[in-house]
Amino acid sequence: MSPSPTVADSPGAAPSLPPTVDPVVFCRKQQVVDGSSPLAAFERLAAADVAPEGDIDWSVAGTVGRDEAGRLREFLDVELTFAPVMTCSRCLGPIRIGPLAIRRRFRLAASERQADLEDRESESVEVIATGPRLSLADLVEDESILSLPMAPAHPDCESPAGRVPPDTAT
C-alpha cells in the first residue's frame, strides 16, 4: 500500500502496529490497511493475561454508507484473527484460546454525546466517537481484549484445590 497523507504512524510505535489515521478521511477515501502484529506489541493485552506469543492478523477498512435512518455516514470495518495463550482459571497452566476471529463494524460520530444518542438507534453497529486522529492500534487492541474469555479453562481439568485425594474422601 502506498503512503497516504491520512495515515500516519503513531509516534514511537512499532512499525508493525496499525497506524493512526484521520478516520473521516480514511472512510471517505475507502482506505484499507492490514497486517500482522506481535501480541507482545500490545501492552494492555499483556495486562489482560495474554502471553506475548503469536500474532494478531488485522484488517481495517473505511467505507461510506447509509445508516438505519438513511443518512450518509462513515464506517470502519475491523477484522481480527488470533489465538492467544492465557492462564487456565482452574489449573493455572497455559491454555490456547481459539483461534478467535472477530468482525466488527463501527459507525463514526463526532462527539461522545452524538455517539450515545445514535448508539441507542442502532442494533447492527456500534457507534464510536472520534476526533481528528484515531489510533487503529488501540481499536484493534480494544476489540482483541473484548473477545477474550473472562475465565478461560481447559475442558478436562480440575482446580488443584477442588481435587480430593481418594483416601480422604467421605
N, C-alpha and C. Protein backbone atom coordinates (compact mmCIF):
# COMPACT_ATOMS: atom_id res chain seq x y z
N MET A 1 0.85 -1.18 0.00
CA MET A 1 0.00 0.00 0.00
C MET A 1 0.89 1.23 0.00
N SER A 2 0.58 2.19 -0.80
CA SER A 2 1.40 3.40 -0.87
C SER A 2 1.05 4.32 0.29
N PRO A 3 2.03 5.10 0.76
CA PRO A 3 1.76 6.02 1.86
C PRO A 3 0.67 7.01 1.48
N SER A 4 -0.08 7.40 2.48
CA SER A 4 -1.18 8.34 2.27
C SER A 4 -1.08 9.44 3.30
N PRO A 5 -1.47 10.66 2.96
CA PRO A 5 -1.40 11.72 3.95
C PRO A 5 -2.37 11.53 5.11
N THR A 6 -3.36 10.63 4.98
CA THR A 6 -4.31 10.44 6.07
C THR A 6 -3.86 9.36 7.02
N VAL A 7 -2.86 8.58 6.66
CA VAL A 7 -2.37 7.51 7.51
C VAL A 7 -1.00 7.89 8.00
N ALA A 8 -0.83 7.94 9.32
CA ALA A 8 0.46 8.31 9.90
C ALA A 8 0.81 7.31 10.99
N ASP A 9 2.05 6.91 11.02
CA ASP A 9 2.49 6.01 12.09
C ASP A 9 2.39 6.73 13.42
N SER A 10 2.04 5.97 14.45
CA SER A 10 1.99 6.53 15.79
C SER A 10 3.39 6.86 16.25
N PRO A 11 3.60 8.01 16.88
CA PRO A 11 4.93 8.35 17.37
C PRO A 11 5.41 7.30 18.35
N GLY A 12 6.60 6.78 18.11
CA GLY A 12 7.20 5.80 19.00
C GLY A 12 6.61 4.41 18.88
N ALA A 13 5.66 4.19 17.98
CA ALA A 13 5.04 2.87 17.86
C ALA A 13 5.87 1.99 16.94
N ALA A 14 5.77 0.71 17.18
CA ALA A 14 6.45 -0.24 16.31
C ALA A 14 5.83 -0.17 14.92
N PRO A 15 6.63 -0.32 13.87
CA PRO A 15 6.10 -0.18 12.52
C PRO A 15 5.08 -1.25 12.15
N SER A 16 5.02 -2.36 12.89
CA SER A 16 4.07 -3.41 12.56
C SER A 16 2.69 -3.19 13.19
N LEU A 17 2.53 -2.16 13.99
CA LEU A 17 1.23 -1.87 14.58
C LEU A 17 0.35 -1.13 13.58
N PRO A 18 -0.98 -1.27 13.73
CA PRO A 18 -1.87 -0.48 12.88
C PRO A 18 -1.60 1.01 13.08
N PRO A 19 -1.77 1.82 12.04
CA PRO A 19 -1.43 3.24 12.12
C PRO A 19 -2.49 4.09 12.80
N THR A 20 -2.15 5.34 13.01
CA THR A 20 -3.10 6.36 13.44
C THR A 20 -3.58 7.06 12.18
N VAL A 21 -4.88 7.32 12.09
CA VAL A 21 -5.47 7.88 10.87
C VAL A 21 -6.40 9.04 11.20
N ASP A 22 -6.71 9.81 10.19
CA ASP A 22 -7.84 10.73 10.24
C ASP A 22 -9.03 9.87 9.84
N PRO A 23 -9.90 9.49 10.79
CA PRO A 23 -10.92 8.48 10.49
C PRO A 23 -11.93 8.89 9.42
N VAL A 24 -12.31 10.14 9.38
CA VAL A 24 -13.29 10.58 8.38
C VAL A 24 -12.70 10.50 6.97
N VAL A 25 -11.50 11.00 6.81
CA VAL A 25 -10.84 10.94 5.50
C VAL A 25 -10.56 9.49 5.12
N PHE A 26 -10.13 8.68 6.08
CA PHE A 26 -9.86 7.27 5.86
C PHE A 26 -11.10 6.57 5.29
N CYS A 27 -12.26 6.86 5.87
CA CYS A 27 -13.51 6.26 5.41
C CYS A 27 -13.94 6.82 4.06
N ARG A 28 -13.88 8.13 3.91
CA ARG A 28 -14.33 8.75 2.66
C ARG A 28 -13.47 8.34 1.46
N LYS A 29 -12.19 8.06 1.71
CA LYS A 29 -11.31 7.58 0.63
C LYS A 29 -11.36 6.06 0.50
N GLN A 30 -12.18 5.43 1.32
CA GLN A 30 -12.35 3.98 1.34
C GLN A 30 -11.01 3.25 1.41
N GLN A 31 -10.18 3.71 2.34
CA GLN A 31 -8.86 3.13 2.51
C GLN A 31 -8.95 1.83 3.29
N VAL A 32 -7.94 0.99 3.10
CA VAL A 32 -7.82 -0.28 3.79
C VAL A 32 -6.38 -0.43 4.25
N VAL A 33 -6.19 -0.82 5.49
CA VAL A 33 -4.87 -1.18 5.99
C VAL A 33 -5.00 -2.56 6.63
N ASP A 34 -3.97 -3.36 6.46
CA ASP A 34 -3.98 -4.67 7.10
C ASP A 34 -2.56 -5.08 7.40
N GLY A 35 -2.44 -6.07 8.24
CA GLY A 35 -1.12 -6.54 8.61
C GLY A 35 -1.19 -7.58 9.69
N SER A 36 -0.04 -7.87 10.23
CA SER A 36 0.09 -8.82 11.33
C SER A 36 1.01 -8.17 12.35
N SER A 37 0.58 -8.16 13.60
CA SER A 37 1.35 -7.53 14.68
C SER A 37 1.58 -8.53 15.79
N PRO A 38 2.77 -8.52 16.38
CA PRO A 38 3.02 -9.43 17.50
C PRO A 38 2.17 -9.06 18.72
N LEU A 39 1.64 -10.09 19.38
CA LEU A 39 0.86 -9.84 20.59
C LEU A 39 1.67 -9.08 21.63
N ALA A 40 2.97 -9.29 21.64
CA ALA A 40 3.84 -8.62 22.60
C ALA A 40 3.84 -7.10 22.42
N ALA A 41 3.43 -6.60 21.26
CA ALA A 41 3.42 -5.16 21.00
C ALA A 41 2.23 -4.45 21.65
N PHE A 42 1.28 -5.22 22.15
CA PHE A 42 0.07 -4.64 22.74
C PHE A 42 0.13 -4.77 24.26
N GLU A 43 0.46 -3.68 24.95
CA GLU A 43 0.68 -3.70 26.40
C GLU A 43 -0.57 -4.08 27.19
N ARG A 44 -1.72 -3.59 26.77
CA ARG A 44 -2.94 -3.89 27.53
C ARG A 44 -3.36 -5.34 27.40
N LEU A 45 -2.99 -6.00 26.30
CA LEU A 45 -3.26 -7.44 26.18
C LEU A 45 -2.46 -8.22 27.21
N ALA A 46 -1.22 -7.82 27.42
CA ALA A 46 -0.39 -8.48 28.43
C ALA A 46 -1.03 -8.30 29.81
N ALA A 47 -1.57 -7.14 30.09
CA ALA A 47 -2.24 -6.89 31.37
C ALA A 47 -3.52 -7.70 31.50
N ALA A 48 -4.06 -8.16 30.37
CA ALA A 48 -5.28 -8.98 30.37
C ALA A 48 -4.93 -10.46 30.41
N ASP A 49 -3.69 -10.79 30.80
CA ASP A 49 -3.24 -12.17 30.98
C ASP A 49 -3.06 -12.92 29.66
N VAL A 50 -2.65 -12.23 28.61
CA VAL A 50 -2.34 -12.89 27.34
C VAL A 50 -0.83 -13.00 27.22
N ALA A 51 -0.36 -14.21 26.96
CA ALA A 51 1.08 -14.43 26.79
C ALA A 51 1.56 -13.71 25.54
N PRO A 52 2.78 -13.20 25.58
CA PRO A 52 3.29 -12.43 24.43
C PRO A 52 3.83 -13.31 23.31
N GLU A 53 3.07 -14.33 22.94
CA GLU A 53 3.50 -15.20 21.85
C GLU A 53 2.43 -15.21 20.75
N GLY A 54 2.89 -15.23 19.52
CA GLY A 54 1.97 -15.23 18.40
C GLY A 54 1.69 -13.83 17.89
N ASP A 55 0.80 -13.76 16.92
CA ASP A 55 0.46 -12.51 16.24
C ASP A 55 -1.05 -12.31 16.19
N ILE A 56 -1.42 -11.07 15.95
CA ILE A 56 -2.80 -10.73 15.60
C ILE A 56 -2.77 -10.33 14.13
N ASP A 57 -3.55 -11.02 13.31
CA ASP A 57 -3.73 -10.60 11.92
C ASP A 57 -4.93 -9.66 11.93
N TRP A 58 -4.77 -8.48 11.34
CA TRP A 58 -5.81 -7.47 11.41
C TRP A 58 -6.02 -6.79 10.05
N SER A 59 -7.22 -6.29 9.89
CA SER A 59 -7.57 -5.51 8.71
C SER A 59 -8.60 -4.47 9.13
N VAL A 60 -8.42 -3.24 8.68
CA VAL A 60 -9.38 -2.17 8.95
C VAL A 60 -9.70 -1.50 7.62
N ALA A 61 -10.97 -1.44 7.29
CA ALA A 61 -11.42 -0.84 6.03
C ALA A 61 -12.37 0.31 6.34
N GLY A 62 -12.20 1.41 5.66
CA GLY A 62 -13.10 2.55 5.80
C GLY A 62 -14.10 2.54 4.66
N THR A 63 -15.35 2.82 4.98
CA THR A 63 -16.39 2.88 3.95
C THR A 63 -17.35 4.02 4.28
N VAL A 64 -18.16 4.33 3.30
CA VAL A 64 -19.24 5.30 3.47
C VAL A 64 -20.52 4.59 3.04
N GLY A 65 -21.56 4.73 3.85
CA GLY A 65 -22.83 4.09 3.51
C GLY A 65 -23.95 4.74 4.29
N ARG A 66 -25.12 4.17 4.15
CA ARG A 66 -26.32 4.71 4.81
C ARG A 66 -26.56 3.99 6.13
N ASP A 67 -26.96 4.76 7.15
CA ASP A 67 -27.31 4.17 8.43
C ASP A 67 -28.79 3.80 8.44
N GLU A 68 -29.31 3.40 9.60
CA GLU A 68 -30.70 2.96 9.73
C GLU A 68 -31.70 4.03 9.30
N ALA A 69 -31.33 5.30 9.48
CA ALA A 69 -32.22 6.41 9.14
C ALA A 69 -31.99 6.91 7.71
N GLY A 70 -31.14 6.24 6.96
CA GLY A 70 -30.87 6.64 5.59
C GLY A 70 -29.85 7.74 5.43
N ARG A 71 -29.20 8.13 6.54
CA ARG A 71 -28.19 9.18 6.48
C ARG A 71 -26.87 8.62 5.97
N LEU A 72 -26.16 9.40 5.16
CA LEU A 72 -24.85 9.01 4.66
C LEU A 72 -23.84 9.15 5.80
N ARG A 73 -23.15 8.05 6.14
CA ARG A 73 -22.26 8.03 7.30
C ARG A 73 -20.96 7.30 6.98
N GLU A 74 -19.95 7.51 7.84
CA GLU A 74 -18.66 6.83 7.71
C GLU A 74 -18.65 5.61 8.62
N PHE A 75 -18.07 4.50 8.12
CA PHE A 75 -17.99 3.24 8.86
C PHE A 75 -16.57 2.70 8.82
N LEU A 76 -16.20 2.01 9.89
CA LEU A 76 -14.94 1.25 9.93
C LEU A 76 -15.30 -0.22 10.11
N ASP A 77 -14.76 -1.06 9.23
CA ASP A 77 -14.93 -2.50 9.34
C ASP A 77 -13.61 -3.08 9.84
N VAL A 78 -13.65 -3.75 10.98
CA VAL A 78 -12.46 -4.29 11.62
C VAL A 78 -12.55 -5.81 11.63
N GLU A 79 -11.48 -6.46 11.19
CA GLU A 79 -11.39 -7.92 11.24
C GLU A 79 -10.08 -8.30 11.93
N LEU A 80 -10.18 -9.25 12.86
CA LEU A 80 -9.01 -9.72 13.61
C LEU A 80 -9.04 -11.24 13.67
N THR A 81 -7.86 -11.83 13.65
CA THR A 81 -7.73 -13.26 13.90
C THR A 81 -6.49 -13.46 14.76
N PHE A 82 -6.65 -14.20 15.86
CA PHE A 82 -5.51 -14.52 16.70
C PHE A 82 -5.86 -15.69 17.60
N ALA A 83 -4.84 -16.34 18.13
CA ALA A 83 -5.02 -17.49 19.03
C ALA A 83 -4.19 -17.23 20.29
N PRO A 84 -4.74 -16.48 21.24
CA PRO A 84 -3.97 -16.12 22.42
C PRO A 84 -3.74 -17.30 23.36
N VAL A 85 -2.66 -17.23 24.09
CA VAL A 85 -2.38 -18.18 25.16
C VAL A 85 -2.63 -17.44 26.46
N MET A 86 -3.52 -18.01 27.28
CA MET A 86 -3.88 -17.39 28.55
C MET A 86 -3.59 -18.38 29.69
N THR A 87 -3.99 -18.05 30.89
CA THR A 87 -3.82 -18.92 32.05
C THR A 87 -5.16 -19.57 32.38
N CYS A 88 -5.16 -20.89 32.48
CA CYS A 88 -6.37 -21.62 32.84
C CYS A 88 -6.79 -21.20 34.26
N SER A 89 -8.06 -20.88 34.42
CA SER A 89 -8.55 -20.43 35.72
C SER A 89 -8.68 -21.57 36.72
N ARG A 90 -8.58 -22.81 36.27
CA ARG A 90 -8.67 -23.96 37.18
C ARG A 90 -7.29 -24.45 37.61
N CYS A 91 -6.45 -24.81 36.62
CA CYS A 91 -5.16 -25.42 36.96
C CYS A 91 -3.99 -24.44 36.92
N LEU A 92 -4.25 -23.23 36.42
CA LEU A 92 -3.25 -22.17 36.29
C LEU A 92 -2.16 -22.48 35.27
N GLY A 93 -2.41 -23.47 34.44
CA GLY A 93 -1.49 -23.78 33.34
C GLY A 93 -1.86 -22.99 32.10
N PRO A 94 -1.01 -23.02 31.08
CA PRO A 94 -1.32 -22.28 29.85
C PRO A 94 -2.44 -22.97 29.06
N ILE A 95 -3.26 -22.15 28.43
CA ILE A 95 -4.34 -22.66 27.57
C ILE A 95 -4.41 -21.78 26.34
N ARG A 96 -4.40 -22.41 25.16
CA ARG A 96 -4.55 -21.66 23.90
C ARG A 96 -6.04 -21.51 23.62
N ILE A 97 -6.43 -20.29 23.37
CA ILE A 97 -7.83 -19.96 23.09
C ILE A 97 -7.97 -19.77 21.58
N GLY A 98 -8.95 -20.41 21.01
CA GLY A 98 -9.22 -20.12 19.61
C GLY A 98 -8.56 -21.05 18.63
N PRO A 99 -8.41 -20.55 17.44
CA PRO A 99 -8.26 -19.15 17.06
C PRO A 99 -9.59 -18.38 17.12
N LEU A 100 -9.45 -17.14 17.52
CA LEU A 100 -10.58 -16.22 17.59
C LEU A 100 -10.63 -15.41 16.30
N ALA A 101 -11.80 -15.29 15.73
CA ALA A 101 -12.00 -14.47 14.53
C ALA A 101 -13.08 -13.46 14.86
N ILE A 102 -12.73 -12.18 14.78
CA ILE A 102 -13.64 -11.11 15.18
C ILE A 102 -13.91 -10.23 13.98
N ARG A 103 -15.17 -9.90 13.76
CA ARG A 103 -15.57 -8.93 12.74
C ARG A 103 -16.50 -7.94 13.42
N ARG A 104 -16.13 -6.68 13.33
CA ARG A 104 -16.94 -5.63 13.95
C ARG A 104 -17.09 -4.47 12.98
N ARG A 105 -18.23 -3.84 13.05
CA ARG A 105 -18.48 -2.65 12.24
C ARG A 105 -18.78 -1.50 13.19
N PHE A 106 -18.13 -0.37 12.93
CA PHE A 106 -18.30 0.83 13.74
C PHE A 106 -18.77 1.97 12.86
N ARG A 107 -19.71 2.74 13.38
CA ARG A 107 -20.12 3.98 12.71
C ARG A 107 -19.50 5.13 13.49
N LEU A 108 -18.96 6.09 12.76
CA LEU A 108 -18.29 7.21 13.40
C LEU A 108 -19.29 8.29 13.82
N ALA A 109 -19.00 8.88 14.97
CA ALA A 109 -19.77 10.02 15.47
C ALA A 109 -18.78 11.11 15.85
N ALA A 110 -19.21 12.35 15.77
CA ALA A 110 -18.32 13.49 16.01
C ALA A 110 -18.08 13.78 17.49
N SER A 111 -18.93 13.23 18.38
CA SER A 111 -18.78 13.51 19.81
C SER A 111 -19.31 12.33 20.61
N GLU A 112 -18.96 12.29 21.90
CA GLU A 112 -19.47 11.25 22.79
C GLU A 112 -20.99 11.36 22.92
N ARG A 113 -21.49 12.58 23.00
CA ARG A 113 -22.95 12.78 23.11
C ARG A 113 -23.67 12.23 21.89
N GLN A 114 -23.15 12.55 20.69
CA GLN A 114 -23.75 12.04 19.46
C GLN A 114 -23.66 10.52 19.43
N ALA A 115 -22.53 9.97 19.82
CA ALA A 115 -22.36 8.51 19.83
C ALA A 115 -23.36 7.85 20.77
N ASP A 116 -23.55 8.42 21.96
CA ASP A 116 -24.51 7.87 22.92
C ASP A 116 -25.92 7.89 22.36
N LEU A 117 -26.31 8.99 21.75
CA LEU A 117 -27.65 9.10 21.17
C LEU A 117 -27.85 8.13 20.03
N GLU A 118 -26.87 8.06 19.13
CA GLU A 118 -27.02 7.21 17.95
C GLU A 118 -26.85 5.73 18.26
N ASP A 119 -26.10 5.42 19.31
CA ASP A 119 -25.90 4.02 19.67
C ASP A 119 -27.22 3.38 20.07
N ARG A 120 -28.11 4.18 20.66
CA ARG A 120 -29.43 3.69 21.04
C ARG A 120 -30.29 3.38 19.81
N GLU A 121 -30.03 4.06 18.70
CA GLU A 121 -30.78 3.86 17.46
C GLU A 121 -30.37 2.59 16.73
N SER A 122 -29.14 2.16 16.93
CA SER A 122 -28.57 1.10 16.12
C SER A 122 -28.46 -0.22 16.87
N GLU A 123 -28.91 -1.28 16.22
CA GLU A 123 -28.74 -2.61 16.78
C GLU A 123 -27.66 -3.38 16.03
N SER A 124 -27.30 -2.94 14.84
CA SER A 124 -26.39 -3.71 13.99
C SER A 124 -24.95 -3.22 14.01
N VAL A 125 -24.72 -2.03 14.56
CA VAL A 125 -23.39 -1.45 14.51
C VAL A 125 -23.14 -0.66 15.79
N GLU A 126 -21.89 -0.65 16.24
CA GLU A 126 -21.53 0.16 17.40
C GLU A 126 -21.12 1.54 16.92
N VAL A 127 -21.58 2.56 17.61
CA VAL A 127 -21.25 3.93 17.26
C VAL A 127 -20.13 4.40 18.18
N ILE A 128 -19.06 4.92 17.58
CA ILE A 128 -17.93 5.40 18.39
C ILE A 128 -17.64 6.86 18.07
N ALA A 129 -17.27 7.60 19.11
CA ALA A 129 -16.87 9.00 18.94
C ALA A 129 -15.42 9.03 18.50
N THR A 130 -15.12 9.88 17.53
CA THR A 130 -13.75 10.02 17.07
C THR A 130 -13.43 11.50 16.91
N GLY A 131 -12.16 11.79 17.02
CA GLY A 131 -11.66 13.13 16.77
C GLY A 131 -10.93 13.12 15.44
N PRO A 132 -10.03 14.07 15.26
CA PRO A 132 -9.30 14.14 14.00
C PRO A 132 -8.24 13.05 13.86
N ARG A 133 -7.91 12.35 14.95
CA ARG A 133 -6.92 11.26 14.92
C ARG A 133 -7.52 10.05 15.63
N LEU A 134 -7.36 8.89 15.03
CA LEU A 134 -7.83 7.65 15.63
C LEU A 134 -6.72 6.62 15.53
N SER A 135 -6.32 6.07 16.66
CA SER A 135 -5.31 5.02 16.69
C SER A 135 -5.98 3.69 16.37
N LEU A 136 -5.70 3.18 15.18
CA LEU A 136 -6.24 1.87 14.81
C LEU A 136 -5.61 0.78 15.67
N ALA A 137 -4.39 0.99 16.15
CA ALA A 137 -3.75 0.02 17.06
C ALA A 137 -4.58 -0.11 18.34
N ASP A 138 -5.04 1.03 18.88
CA ASP A 138 -5.88 0.99 20.09
C ASP A 138 -7.21 0.29 19.80
N LEU A 139 -7.79 0.55 18.63
CA LEU A 139 -9.05 -0.09 18.26
C LEU A 139 -8.88 -1.61 18.13
N VAL A 140 -7.81 -2.03 17.48
CA VAL A 140 -7.51 -3.47 17.34
C VAL A 140 -7.30 -4.09 18.72
N GLU A 141 -6.54 -3.40 19.58
CA GLU A 141 -6.29 -3.94 20.92
C GLU A 141 -7.58 -4.00 21.74
N ASP A 142 -8.41 -2.97 21.67
CA ASP A 142 -9.69 -2.97 22.39
C ASP A 142 -10.54 -4.17 21.99
N GLU A 143 -10.68 -4.39 20.69
CA GLU A 143 -11.51 -5.49 20.20
C GLU A 143 -10.92 -6.84 20.57
N SER A 144 -9.60 -6.92 20.58
CA SER A 144 -8.94 -8.17 21.00
C SER A 144 -9.25 -8.47 22.45
N ILE A 145 -9.12 -7.48 23.30
CA ILE A 145 -9.38 -7.66 24.73
C ILE A 145 -10.84 -8.04 24.97
N LEU A 146 -11.75 -7.38 24.28
CA LEU A 146 -13.18 -7.66 24.46
C LEU A 146 -13.56 -9.07 24.01
N SER A 147 -12.76 -9.68 23.14
CA SER A 147 -13.07 -11.02 22.64
C SER A 147 -12.56 -12.13 23.55
N LEU A 148 -11.75 -11.78 24.54
CA LEU A 148 -11.15 -12.80 25.41
C LEU A 148 -12.18 -13.36 26.40
N PRO A 149 -12.07 -14.65 26.71
CA PRO A 149 -12.97 -15.20 27.73
C PRO A 149 -12.61 -14.65 29.11
N MET A 150 -13.61 -14.50 29.96
CA MET A 150 -13.38 -13.96 31.30
C MET A 150 -12.63 -14.95 32.19
N ALA A 151 -12.93 -16.23 32.07
CA ALA A 151 -12.30 -17.26 32.90
C ALA A 151 -11.96 -18.46 32.01
N PRO A 152 -10.87 -18.37 31.27
CA PRO A 152 -10.53 -19.49 30.38
C PRO A 152 -10.21 -20.74 31.20
N ALA A 153 -10.63 -21.89 30.68
CA ALA A 153 -10.38 -23.14 31.39
C ALA A 153 -10.29 -24.29 30.39
N HIS A 154 -9.38 -25.22 30.67
CA HIS A 154 -9.32 -26.44 29.89
C HIS A 154 -10.64 -27.19 30.08
N PRO A 155 -11.15 -27.84 29.07
CA PRO A 155 -12.43 -28.55 29.25
C PRO A 155 -12.31 -29.77 30.17
N ASP A 156 -11.08 -30.28 30.39
CA ASP A 156 -10.93 -31.52 31.14
C ASP A 156 -10.00 -31.40 32.36
N CYS A 157 -9.88 -30.22 32.93
CA CYS A 157 -9.02 -30.12 34.11
C CYS A 157 -9.84 -29.68 35.31
N GLU A 158 -9.28 -29.93 36.48
CA GLU A 158 -9.93 -29.52 37.72
C GLU A 158 -8.99 -28.62 38.48
N SER A 159 -9.51 -27.80 39.30
CA SER A 159 -8.69 -26.96 40.17
C SER A 159 -7.94 -27.85 41.14
N PRO A 160 -6.65 -27.59 41.36
CA PRO A 160 -5.92 -28.38 42.37
C PRO A 160 -6.61 -28.33 43.72
N ALA A 161 -7.23 -27.23 44.07
CA ALA A 161 -7.92 -27.11 45.35
C ALA A 161 -9.22 -27.94 45.36
N GLY A 162 -9.77 -28.20 44.19
CA GLY A 162 -11.03 -28.94 44.11
C GLY A 162 -10.84 -30.44 44.12
N ARG A 163 -9.61 -30.93 43.97
CA ARG A 163 -9.35 -32.37 43.96
C ARG A 163 -9.30 -32.89 45.40
N VAL A 164 -9.94 -33.97 45.61
CA VAL A 164 -9.92 -34.61 46.94
C VAL A 164 -9.19 -35.94 46.78
N PRO A 165 -8.11 -36.16 47.54
CA PRO A 165 -7.42 -37.44 47.43
C PRO A 165 -8.36 -38.60 47.78
N PRO A 166 -8.24 -39.75 47.06
CA PRO A 166 -9.19 -40.84 47.27
C PRO A 166 -9.24 -41.36 48.71
N ASP A 167 -8.14 -41.33 49.44
CA ASP A 167 -8.14 -41.89 50.79
C ASP A 167 -8.78 -40.96 51.82
N THR A 168 -9.05 -39.69 51.49
CA THR A 168 -9.68 -38.77 52.44
C THR A 168 -11.11 -38.46 52.09
N ALA A 169 -11.60 -39.00 50.99
CA ALA A 169 -12.99 -38.72 50.57
C ALA A 169 -13.93 -39.44 51.52
N THR A 170 -15.02 -38.79 51.85
CA THR A 170 -16.02 -39.44 52.71
C THR A 170 -17.33 -39.60 52.01
